[in-house]
Amino acid sequence: MYEHAHKLFDEMPNLKCQRTVYAFNALLEACVRAEKYDTMRELFQELPEELSIEHDVVSYNTLIKALCKSGSLDFAISVMDEMENQGIKPDKVTFNTLLKAYHECKKFSEAEDLWVLMQKKNIVADLWSYNIRLRGLVANNQVNEAIGLFEEMGKKDIIPNALSYNTIIKMFVGDRNLEEAKRWNEKMAENERYPDNATFGMLIHFACDKDDLDFVLDLCKKSMDSKVTVHNATMQRIVDDLVQHSKLEVAKELVNLAKSYKRFRYKLSFPLLQ
């Protein structure tokens, strides 16, 4: 992809196309996607002067993303100072990229400092910002803070999505607290947020571990009604667990139900009924 993008960029003058900052930014993004981080930094430094174009906020955000992905987080942070020296204000994308990198590196204290800086600079956090911070709090086992942040989203008219709910549910799954996981699943439905395959997958496995087979069966039915695919291996595990607990009729019901949904192409075995 990068080679094609660079070739096209070089050919633009022959095609009577001006090489603007937009084309330059597209080339930088191609470098990042190809994981050619050193090449990207060279192009960032050399091409603008050669082509008489100026970096914009997208150029700098792409550089920051490349630095974060290559593990140069301290350098990425310093780029914000360079931006401001050039009269370019860091935006939401700048902060979200850095927040994500800090949390992925488990630098939770630095991430909190960055969150405070974001507010001081009057950068309004969006859903992505909150989801990044939410995952960081959960990863750092800050249960109360995570729930508090979730509640703050509602107060600021930021509507949590499936990822937001999944993060909280995953936290309670990790704590082996089925009742709270179920409560947040119900809360998700009450607020008309729809579970995805991640929601169903982790709840079904956890409920199986807890032998709450009634809840498991309910989840399976809801997933199929919602046209959300649950892995065949997971479905087979449920059938096996139902049989093991002598719930043969329920297991048979699930197998027949799965067969009735042709789009899922489930291949479930039930040897005891053969």
C-alpha atoms as a PDB file:
ATOM      1  CA  MET A   1       0.000   0.000   0.000  1.00  0.00           C
ATOM      2  CA  TYR A   2       2.782   2.444   0.924  1.00  0.00           C
ATOM      3  CA  GLU A   3       4.740   1.791  -2.276  1.00  0.00           C
ATOM      4  CA  HIS A   4       1.614   2.412  -4.353  1.00  0.00           C
ATOM      5  CA  ALA A   5       0.822   5.597  -2.420  1.00  0.00           C
ATOM      6  CA  HIS A   6       4.371   6.916  -2.765  1.00  0.00           C
ATOM      7  CA  LYS A   7       4.441   6.104  -6.498  1.00  0.00           C
ATOM      8  CA  LEU A   8       1.175   7.961  -7.016  1.00  0.00           C
ATOM      9  CA  PHE A   9       2.421  10.902  -4.940  1.00  0.00           C
ATOM     10  CA  ASP A  10       5.559  11.140  -7.109  1.00  0.00           C
ATOM     11  CA  GLU A  11       3.476  10.959 -10.298  1.00  0.00           C
ATOM     12  CA  MET A  12       1.035  13.707  -9.308  1.00  0.00           C
ATOM     13  CA  PRO A  13       2.890  16.545 -11.135  1.00  0.00           C
ATOM     14  CA  ASN A  14       2.813  14.548 -14.387  1.00  0.00           C
ATOM     15  CA  LEU A  15      -0.913  14.082 -13.855  1.00  0.00           C
ATOM     16  CA  LYS A  16      -1.271  17.852 -13.434  1.00  0.00           C
ATOM     17  CA  CYS A  17      -2.251  17.401  -9.792  1.00  0.00           C
ATOM     18  CA  GLN A  18      -0.825  19.682  -7.144  1.00  0.00           C
ATOM     19  CA  ARG A  19       0.839  17.963  -4.203  1.00  0.00           C
ATOM     20  CA  THR A  20      -1.000  19.681  -1.368  1.00  0.00           C
ATOM     21  CA  VAL A  21      -0.864  19.079   2.370  1.00  0.00           C
ATOM     22  CA  TYR A  22      -3.848  16.755   1.914  1.00  0.00           C
ATOM     23  CA  ALA A  23      -1.880  14.502  -0.437  1.00  0.00           C
ATOM     24  CA  PHE A  24       1.104  14.758   1.903  1.00  0.00           C
ATOM     25  CA  ASN A  25      -1.032  13.679   4.867  1.00  0.00           C
ATOM     26  CA  ALA A  26      -2.393  10.733   2.888  1.00  0.00           C
ATOM     27  CA  LEU A  27       1.178   9.615   2.174  1.00  0.00           C
ATOM     28  CA  LEU A  28       2.063   9.883   5.874  1.00  0.00           C
ATOM     29  CA  GLU A  29      -0.976   7.786   6.784  1.00  0.00           C
ATOM     30  CA  ALA A  30       0.053   5.142   4.246  1.00  0.00           C
ATOM     31  CA  CYS A  31       3.447   4.968   5.984  1.00  0.00           C
ATOM     32  CA  VAL A  32       1.804   4.458   9.369  1.00  0.00           C
ATOM     33  CA  ARG A  33      -0.455   1.701   8.079  1.00  0.00           C
ATOM     34  CA  ALA A  34       2.553  -0.025   6.521  1.00  0.00           C
ATOM     35  CA  GLU A  35       4.419   0.381   9.839  1.00  0.00           C
ATOM     36  CA  LYS A  36       7.205   2.314   8.097  1.00  0.00           C
ATOM     37  CA  TYR A  37       7.664   4.659  11.018  1.00  0.00           C
ATOM     38  CA  ASP A  38      11.246   5.765  10.281  1.00  0.00           C
ATOM     39  CA  THR A  39      10.329   6.503   6.678  1.00  0.00           C
ATOM     40  CA  MET A  40       7.343   8.469   7.847  1.00  0.00           C
ATOM     41  CA  ARG A  41       9.474  10.650  10.127  1.00  0.00           C
ATOM     42  CA  GLU A  42      11.912  11.336   7.282  1.00  0.00           C
ATOM     43  CA  LEU A  43       9.083  12.356   4.950  1.00  0.00           C
ATOM     44  CA  PHE A  44       7.565  14.531   7.670  1.00  0.00           C
ATOM     45  CA  GLN A  45      10.840  16.436   8.038  1.00  0.00           C
ATOM     46  CA  GLU A  46      11.949  16.640   4.407  1.00  0.00           C
ATOM     47  CA  LEU A  47       8.950  16.909   2.076  1.00  0.00           C
ATOM     48  CA  PRO A  48       7.276  20.110   3.346  1.00  0.00           C
ATOM     49  CA  GLU A  49      10.379  22.214   2.678  1.00  0.00           C
ATOM     50  CA  GLU A  50      10.967  20.496  -0.657  1.00  0.00           C
ATOM     51  CA  LEU A  51       7.375  21.049  -1.809  1.00  0.00           C
ATOM     52  CA  SER A  52       6.742  24.391  -0.065  1.00  0.00           C
ATOM     53  CA  ILE A  53       3.830  23.086   1.969  1.00  0.00           C
ATOM     54  CA  GLU A  54       3.159  23.525   5.680  1.00  0.00           C
ATOM     55  CA  HIS A  55       2.232  20.888   8.220  1.00  0.00           C
ATOM     56  CA  ASP A  56      -1.307  21.096   9.554  1.00  0.00           C
ATOM     57  CA  VAL A  57      -2.923  19.500  12.608  1.00  0.00           C
ATOM     58  CA  VAL A  58      -3.560  16.278  10.661  1.00  0.00           C
ATOM     59  CA  SER A  59       0.134  16.037   9.763  1.00  0.00           C
ATOM     60  CA  TYR A  60       1.146  16.360  13.400  1.00  0.00           C
ATOM     61  CA  ASN A  61      -1.537  13.949  14.600  1.00  0.00           C
ATOM     62  CA  THR A  62      -0.296  11.373  12.108  1.00  0.00           C
ATOM     63  CA  LEU A  63       3.265  11.867  13.358  1.00  0.00           C
ATOM     64  CA  ILE A  64       2.102  11.422  16.951  1.00  0.00           C
ATOM     65  CA  LYS A  65       0.267   8.242  15.994  1.00  0.00           C
ATOM     66  CA  ALA A  66       3.411   6.874  14.336  1.00  0.00           C
ATOM     67  CA  LEU A  67       5.551   7.726  17.360  1.00  0.00           C
ATOM     68  CA  CYS A  68       3.072   6.077  19.724  1.00  0.00           C
ATOM     69  CA  LYS A  69       2.940   2.932  17.615  1.00  0.00           C
ATOM     70  CA  SER A  70       6.737   2.762  17.430  1.00  0.00           C
ATOM     71  CA  GLY A  71       7.078   3.074  21.209  1.00  0.00           C
ATOM     72  CA  SER A  72       8.454   6.636  21.242  1.00  0.00           C
ATOM     73  CA  LEU A  73       5.808   7.960  23.609  1.00  0.00           C
ATOM     74  CA  ASP A  74       7.966  10.645  25.250  1.00  0.00           C
ATOM     75  CA  PHE A  75       8.843  12.016  21.819  1.00  0.00           C
ATOM     76  CA  ALA A  76       5.159  11.924  20.858  1.00  0.00           C
ATOM     77  CA  ILE A  77       4.274  14.063  23.881  1.00  0.00           C
ATOM     78  CA  SER A  78       6.965  16.591  22.958  1.00  0.00           C
ATOM     79  CA  VAL A  79       5.378  17.005  19.521  1.00  0.00           C
ATOM     80  CA  MET A  80       2.502  18.879  21.184  1.00  0.00           C
ATOM     81  CA  ASP A  81       4.929  21.620  22.200  1.00  0.00           C
ATOM     82  CA  GLU A  82       6.252  21.783  18.652  1.00  0.00           C
ATOM     83  CA  MET A  83       2.700  22.084  17.330  1.00  0.00           C
ATOM     84  CA  GLU A  84       1.938  25.025  19.578  1.00  0.00           C
ATOM     85  CA  ASN A  85       5.242  26.688  18.686  1.00  0.00           C
ATOM     86  CA  GLN A  86       4.097  26.483  15.060  1.00  0.00           C
ATOM     87  CA  GLY A  87       0.743  28.039  15.952  1.00  0.00           C
ATOM     88  CA  ILE A  88      -1.159  24.753  15.585  1.00  0.00           C
ATOM     89  CA  LYS A  89      -3.441  23.805  18.469  1.00  0.00           C
ATOM     90  CA  PRO A  90      -3.595  20.137  19.528  1.00  0.00           C
ATOM     91  CA  ASP A  91      -7.135  18.853  19.081  1.00  0.00           C
ATOM     92  CA  LYS A  92      -9.303  15.996  20.270  1.00  0.00           C
ATOM     93  CA  VAL A  93      -7.552  13.516  17.985  1.00  0.00           C
ATOM     94  CA  THR A  94      -4.161  14.543  19.389  1.00  0.00           C
ATOM     95  CA  PHE A  95      -5.223  13.865  22.969  1.00  0.00           C
ATOM     96  CA  ASN A  96      -7.161  10.695  22.195  1.00  0.00           C
ATOM     97  CA  THR A  97      -4.156   9.210  20.407  1.00  0.00           C
ATOM     98  CA  LEU A  98      -1.877   9.974  23.348  1.00  0.00           C
ATOM     99  CA  LEU A  99      -4.414   8.811  25.944  1.00  0.00           C
ATOM    100  CA  LYS A 100      -4.757   5.486  24.161  1.00  0.00           C
ATOM    101  CA  ALA A 101      -0.976   5.049  24.017  1.00  0.00           C
ATOM    102  CA  TYR A 102      -0.532   5.846  27.712  1.00  0.00           C
ATOM    103  CA  HIS A 103      -3.203   3.359  28.740  1.00  0.00           C
ATOM    104  CA  GLU A 104      -1.807   0.649  26.480  1.00  0.00           C
ATOM    105  CA  CYS A 105       1.604   1.164  28.132  1.00  0.00           C
ATOM    106  CA  LYS A 106      -0.101   1.060  31.559  1.00  0.00           C
ATOM    107  CA  LYS A 107       1.122   4.566  32.341  1.00  0.00           C
ATOM    108  CA  PHE A 108      -2.091   5.384  34.164  1.00  0.00           C
ATOM    109  CA  SER A 109      -0.777   8.325  36.189  1.00  0.00           C
ATOM    110  CA  GLU A 110       0.530  10.047  33.055  1.00  0.00           C
ATOM    111  CA  ALA A 111      -2.804   9.372  31.346  1.00  0.00           C
ATOM    112  CA  GLU A 112      -4.641  11.112  34.193  1.00  0.00           C
ATOM    113  CA  ASP A 113      -2.291  14.109  33.918  1.00  0.00           C
ATOM    114  CA  LEU A 114      -3.032  14.246  30.193  1.00  0.00           C
ATOM    115  CA  TRP A 115      -6.788  14.129  30.891  1.00  0.00           C
ATOM    116  CA  VAL A 116      -6.409  17.145  33.203  1.00  0.00           C
ATOM    117  CA  LEU A 117      -4.348  18.975  30.567  1.00  0.00           C
ATOM    118  CA  MET A 118      -7.036  18.219  27.997  1.00  0.00           C
ATOM    119  CA  GLN A 119      -9.612  19.958  30.201  1.00  0.00           C
ATOM    120  CA  LYS A 120      -7.311  22.914  30.879  1.00  0.00           C
ATOM    121  CA  LYS A 121      -6.938  23.448  27.142  1.00  0.00           C
ATOM    122  CA  ASN A 122     -10.743  23.345  26.761  1.00  0.00           C
ATOM    123  CA  ILE A 123     -10.633  20.272  24.540  1.00  0.00           C
ATOM    124  CA  VAL A 124     -14.066  18.680  24.921  1.00  0.00           C
ATOM    125  CA  ALA A 125     -13.770  14.938  25.454  1.00  0.00           C
ATOM    126  CA  ASP A 126     -15.896  12.792  23.136  1.00  0.00           C
ATOM    127  CA  LEU A 127     -17.176   9.222  23.392  1.00  0.00           C
ATOM    128  CA  TRP A 128     -13.829   7.866  22.174  1.00  0.00           C
ATOM    129  CA  SER A 129     -12.003   9.853  24.871  1.00  0.00           C
ATOM    130  CA  TYR A 130     -14.261   8.481  27.592  1.00  0.00           C
ATOM    131  CA  ASN A 131     -14.028   4.908  26.341  1.00  0.00           C
ATOM    132  CA  ILE A 132     -10.227   5.099  26.306  1.00  0.00           C
ATOM    133  CA  ARG A 133     -10.153   6.427  29.877  1.00  0.00           C
ATOM    134  CA  LEU A 134     -12.791   3.930  30.975  1.00  0.00           C
ATOM    135  CA  ARG A 135     -10.708   1.004  29.707  1.00  0.00           C
ATOM    136  CA  GLY A 136      -7.663   2.441  31.458  1.00  0.00           C
ATOM    137  CA  LEU A 137      -9.452   2.681  34.804  1.00  0.00           C
ATOM    138  CA  VAL A 138     -10.703  -0.881  34.463  1.00  0.00           C
ATOM    139  CA  ALA A 139      -7.236  -2.125  33.514  1.00  0.00           C
ATOM    140  CA  ASN A 140      -5.908  -0.423  36.662  1.00  0.00           C
ATOM    141  CA  ASN A 141      -8.632  -2.079  38.799  1.00  0.00           C
ATOM    142  CA  GLN A 142     -10.196   1.276  39.690  1.00  0.00           C
ATOM    143  CA  VAL A 143     -13.750  -0.026  39.934  1.00  0.00           C
ATOM    144  CA  ASN A 144     -15.407   2.927  41.659  1.00  0.00           C
ATOM    145  CA  GLU A 145     -13.636   5.435  39.432  1.00  0.00           C
ATOM    146  CA  ALA A 146     -14.728   3.532  36.318  1.00  0.00           C
ATOM    147  CA  ILE A 147     -18.365   3.513  37.407  1.00  0.00           C
ATOM    148  CA  GLY A 148     -18.103   7.189  38.340  1.00  0.00           C
ATOM    149  CA  LEU A 149     -16.722   8.024  34.901  1.00  0.00           C
ATOM    150  CA  PHE A 150     -19.528   6.047  33.247  1.00  0.00           C
ATOM    151  CA  GLU A 151     -22.089   8.066  35.205  1.00  0.00           C
ATOM    152  CA  GLU A 152     -20.285  11.288  34.271  1.00  0.00           C
ATOM    153  CA  MET A 153     -20.802  10.451  30.596  1.00  0.00           C
ATOM    154  CA  GLY A 154     -24.561  10.590  31.054  1.00  0.00           C
ATOM    155  CA  LYS A 155     -24.375  13.916  32.867  1.00  0.00           C
ATOM    156  CA  LYS A 156     -22.415  15.367  29.947  1.00  0.00           C
ATOM    157  CA  ASP A 157     -24.855  14.017  27.340  1.00  0.00           C
ATOM    158  CA  ILE A 158     -22.311  11.539  26.009  1.00  0.00           C
ATOM    159  CA  ILE A 159     -24.262   8.388  25.225  1.00  0.00           C
ATOM    160  CA  PRO A 160     -22.327   5.218  26.144  1.00  0.00           C
ATOM    161  CA  ASN A 161     -22.107   2.680  23.325  1.00  0.00           C
ATOM    162  CA  ALA A 162     -21.686  -1.103  23.362  1.00  0.00           C
ATOM    163  CA  LEU A 163     -17.946  -0.725  23.977  1.00  0.00           C
ATOM    164  CA  SER A 164     -18.618   1.408  27.067  1.00  0.00           C
ATOM    165  CA  TYR A 165     -20.967  -1.193  28.537  1.00  0.00           C
ATOM    166  CA  ASN A 166     -18.704  -4.073  27.540  1.00  0.00           C
ATOM    167  CA  THR A 167     -15.837  -2.444  29.429  1.00  0.00           C
ATOM    168  CA  ILE A 168     -17.878  -2.318  32.649  1.00  0.00           C
ATOM    169  CA  ILE A 169     -19.268  -5.826  32.132  1.00  0.00           C
ATOM    170  CA  LYS A 170     -15.761  -7.147  31.489  1.00  0.00           C
ATOM    171  CA  MET A 171     -14.657  -5.565  34.766  1.00  0.00           C
ATOM    172  CA  PHE A 172     -17.265  -7.534  36.718  1.00  0.00           C
ATOM    173  CA  VAL A 173     -16.541 -10.700  34.751  1.00  0.00           C
ATOM    174  CA  GLY A 174     -12.924 -10.296  35.837  1.00  0.00           C
ATOM    175  CA  ASP A 175     -14.092  -9.892  39.440  1.00  0.00           C
ATOM    176  CA  ARG A 176     -16.210 -13.065  39.054  1.00  0.00           C
ATOM    177  CA  ASN A 177     -19.312 -11.057  39.967  1.00  0.00           C
ATOM    178  CA  LEU A 178     -22.094 -12.514  37.836  1.00  0.00           C
ATOM    179  CA  GLU A 179     -24.902 -10.528  39.445  1.00  0.00           C
ATOM    180  CA  GLU A 180     -23.271  -7.189  38.639  1.00  0.00           C
ATOM    181  CA  ALA A 181     -22.396  -8.357  35.129  1.00  0.00           C
ATOM    182  CA  LYS A 182     -26.053  -9.317  34.619  1.00  0.00           C
ATOM    183  CA  ARG A 183     -27.240  -6.002  36.066  1.00  0.00           C
ATOM    184  CA  TRP A 184     -25.109  -4.014  33.638  1.00  0.00           C
ATOM    185  CA  ASN A 185     -26.293  -6.190  30.777  1.00  0.00           C
ATOM    186  CA  GLU A 186     -29.872  -5.328  31.756  1.00  0.00           C
ATOM    187  CA  LYS A 187     -28.938  -1.663  32.067  1.00  0.00           C
ATOM    188  CA  MET A 188     -27.530  -1.839  28.559  1.00  0.00           C
ATOM    189  CA  ALA A 189     -30.873  -3.097  27.230  1.00  0.00           C
ATOM    190  CA  GLU A 190     -32.846  -0.524  29.229  1.00  0.00           C
ATOM    191  CA  ASN A 191     -30.856   2.258  27.588  1.00  0.00           C
ATOM    192  CA  GLU A 192     -31.381   0.768  24.116  1.00  0.00           C
ATOM    193  CA  ARG A 193     -27.728  -0.090  23.578  1.00  0.00           C
ATOM    194  CA  TYR A 194     -27.506  -3.375  21.742  1.00  0.00           C
ATOM    195  CA  PRO A 195     -25.136  -6.167  22.815  1.00  0.00           C
ATOM    196  CA  ASP A 196     -22.587  -7.263  20.227  1.00  0.00           C
ATOM    197  CA  ASN A 197     -20.705 -10.528  19.827  1.00  0.00           C
ATOM    198  CA  ALA A 198     -18.192  -9.415  22.487  1.00  0.00           C
ATOM    199  CA  THR A 199     -21.015  -8.872  24.994  1.00  0.00           C
ATOM    200  CA  PHE A 200     -22.653 -12.208  24.314  1.00  0.00           C
ATOM    201  CA  GLY A 201     -19.350 -14.074  24.137  1.00  0.00           C
ATOM    202  CA  MET A 202     -17.965 -13.027  27.505  1.00  0.00           C
ATOM    203  CA  LEU A 203     -21.318 -13.287  29.320  1.00  0.00           C
ATOM    204  CA  ILE A 204     -22.084 -16.738  27.922  1.00  0.00           C
ATOM    205  CA  HIS A 205     -18.661 -18.120  28.871  1.00  0.00           C
ATOM    206  CA  PHE A 206     -18.866 -16.561  32.336  1.00  0.00           C
ATOM    207  CA  ALA A 207     -22.417 -17.803  32.943  1.00  0.00           C
ATOM    208  CA  CYS A 208     -21.337 -21.294  31.851  1.00  0.00           C
ATOM    209  CA  ASP A 209     -18.497 -21.166  34.371  1.00  0.00           C
ATOM    210  CA  LYS A 210     -21.034 -20.205  37.035  1.00  0.00           C
ATOM    211  CA  ASP A 211     -23.491 -22.935  35.914  1.00  0.00           C
ATOM    212  CA  ASP A 212     -26.228 -20.331  35.366  1.00  0.00           C
ATOM    213  CA  LEU A 213     -27.624 -22.235  32.411  1.00  0.00           C
ATOM    214  CA  ASP A 214     -30.972 -20.443  32.380  1.00  0.00           C
ATOM    215  CA  PHE A 215     -29.156 -17.167  31.805  1.00  0.00           C
ATOM    216  CA  VAL A 216     -26.969 -18.841  29.184  1.00  0.00           C
ATOM    217  CA  LEU A 217     -29.993 -20.075  27.267  1.00  0.00           C
ATOM    218  CA  ASP A 218     -31.615 -16.647  27.451  1.00  0.00           C
ATOM    219  CA  LEU A 219     -28.441 -15.060  26.067  1.00  0.00           C
ATOM    220  CA  CYS A 220     -28.299 -17.563  23.210  1.00  0.00           C
ATOM    221  CA  LYS A 221     -31.879 -16.856  22.224  1.00  0.00           C
ATOM    222  CA  LYS A 222     -31.332 -13.107  22.368  1.00  0.00           C
ATOM    223  CA  SER A 223     -28.139 -13.332  20.307  1.00  0.00           C
ATOM    224  CA  MET A 224     -29.901 -15.256  17.555  1.00  0.00           C
ATOM    225  CA  ASP A 225     -32.917 -12.941  17.656  1.00  0.00           C
ATOM    226  CA  SER A 226     -30.509 -10.005  17.350  1.00  0.00           C
ATOM    227  CA  LYS A 227     -28.681 -11.725  14.463  1.00  0.00           C
ATOM    228  CA  VAL A 228     -25.437 -11.611  16.457  1.00  0.00           C
ATOM    229  CA  THR A 229     -23.186 -14.594  15.817  1.00  0.00           C
ATOM    230  CA  VAL A 230     -21.889 -16.614  18.753  1.00  0.00           C
ATOM    231  CA  HIS A 231     -18.991 -18.920  17.856  1.00  0.00           C
ATOM    232  CA  ASN A 232     -19.942 -22.497  17.078  1.00  0.00           C
ATOM    233  CA  ALA A 233     -17.491 -23.773  19.730  1.00  0.00           C
ATOM    234  CA  THR A 234     -19.243 -21.648  22.353  1.00  0.00           C
ATOM    235  CA  MET A 235     -22.654 -22.962  21.329  1.00  0.00           C
ATOM    236  CA  GLN A 236     -21.355 -26.520  21.450  1.00  0.00           C
ATOM    237  CA  ARG A 237     -20.019 -25.933  24.959  1.00  0.00           C
ATOM    238  CA  ILE A 238     -23.470 -24.787  26.062  1.00  0.00           C
ATOM    239  CA  VAL A 239     -25.101 -27.901  24.620  1.00  0.00           C
ATOM    240  CA  ASP A 240     -22.516 -30.089  26.363  1.00  0.00           C
ATOM    241  CA  ASP A 241     -23.048 -28.289  29.690  1.00  0.00           C
ATOM    242  CA  LEU A 242     -26.819 -28.649  29.427  1.00  0.00           C
ATOM    243  CA  VAL A 243     -26.481 -32.366  28.762  1.00  0.00           C
ATOM    244  CA  GLN A 244     -24.022 -32.725  31.636  1.00  0.00           C
ATOM    245  CA  HIS A 245     -26.583 -31.124  33.959  1.00  0.00           C
ATOM    246  CA  SER A 246     -29.293 -33.496  32.661  1.00  0.00           C
ATOM    247  CA  LYS A 247     -31.174 -30.684  30.940  1.00  0.00           C
ATOM    248  CA  LEU A 248     -31.697 -32.763  27.843  1.00  0.00           C
ATOM    249  CA  GLU A 249     -34.906 -31.120  26.687  1.00  0.00           C
ATOM    250  CA  VAL A 250     -33.404 -27.665  27.020  1.00  0.00           C
ATOM    251  CA  ALA A 251     -30.315 -28.802  25.108  1.00  0.00           C
ATOM    252  CA  LYS A 252     -32.517 -30.239  22.392  1.00  0.00           C
ATOM    253  CA  GLU A 253     -34.466 -26.982  22.241  1.00  0.00           C
ATOM    254  CA  LEU A 254     -31.246 -25.015  21.774  1.00  0.00           C
ATOM    255  CA  VAL A 255     -29.960 -27.337  19.040  1.00  0.00           C
ATOM    256  CA  ASN A 256     -33.250 -27.096  17.157  1.00  0.00           C
ATOM    257  CA  LEU A 257     -33.351 -23.342  17.623  1.00  0.00           C
ATOM    258  CA  ALA A 258     -29.815 -22.991  16.263  1.00  0.00           C
ATOM    259  CA  LYS A 259     -30.721 -25.117  13.246  1.00  0.00           C
ATOM    260  CA  SER A 260     -33.739 -22.930  12.551  1.00  0.00           C
ATOM    261  CA  TYR A 261     -31.486 -19.903  12.077  1.00  0.00           C
ATOM    262  CA  LYS A 262     -29.972 -20.862   8.729  1.00  0.00           C
ATOM    263  CA  ARG A 263     -27.822 -17.731   8.486  1.00  0.00           C
ATOM    264  CA  PHE A 264     -25.606 -18.839  11.399  1.00  0.00           C
ATOM    265  CA  ARG A 265     -24.745 -22.251   9.897  1.00  0.00           C
ATOM    266  CA  TYR A 266     -24.253 -23.821  13.304  1.00  0.00           C
ATOM    267  CA  LYS A 267     -23.052 -27.417  13.309  1.00  0.00           C
ATOM    268  CA  LEU A 268     -23.938 -28.717  16.753  1.00  0.00           C
ATOM    269  CA  SER A 269     -23.668 -32.343  17.765  1.00  0.00           C
ATOM    270  CA  PHE A 270     -25.997 -33.990  20.248  1.00  0.00           C
ATOM    271  CA  PRO A 271     -24.947 -37.661  20.378  1.00  0.00           C
ATOM    272  CA  LEU A 272     -27.255 -38.565  23.251  1.00  0.00           C
ATOM    273  CA  LEU A 273     -30.298 -38.018  21.058  1.00  0.00           C
ATOM    274  CA  GLN A 274     -29.046 -39.997  18.089  1.00  0.00           C
END
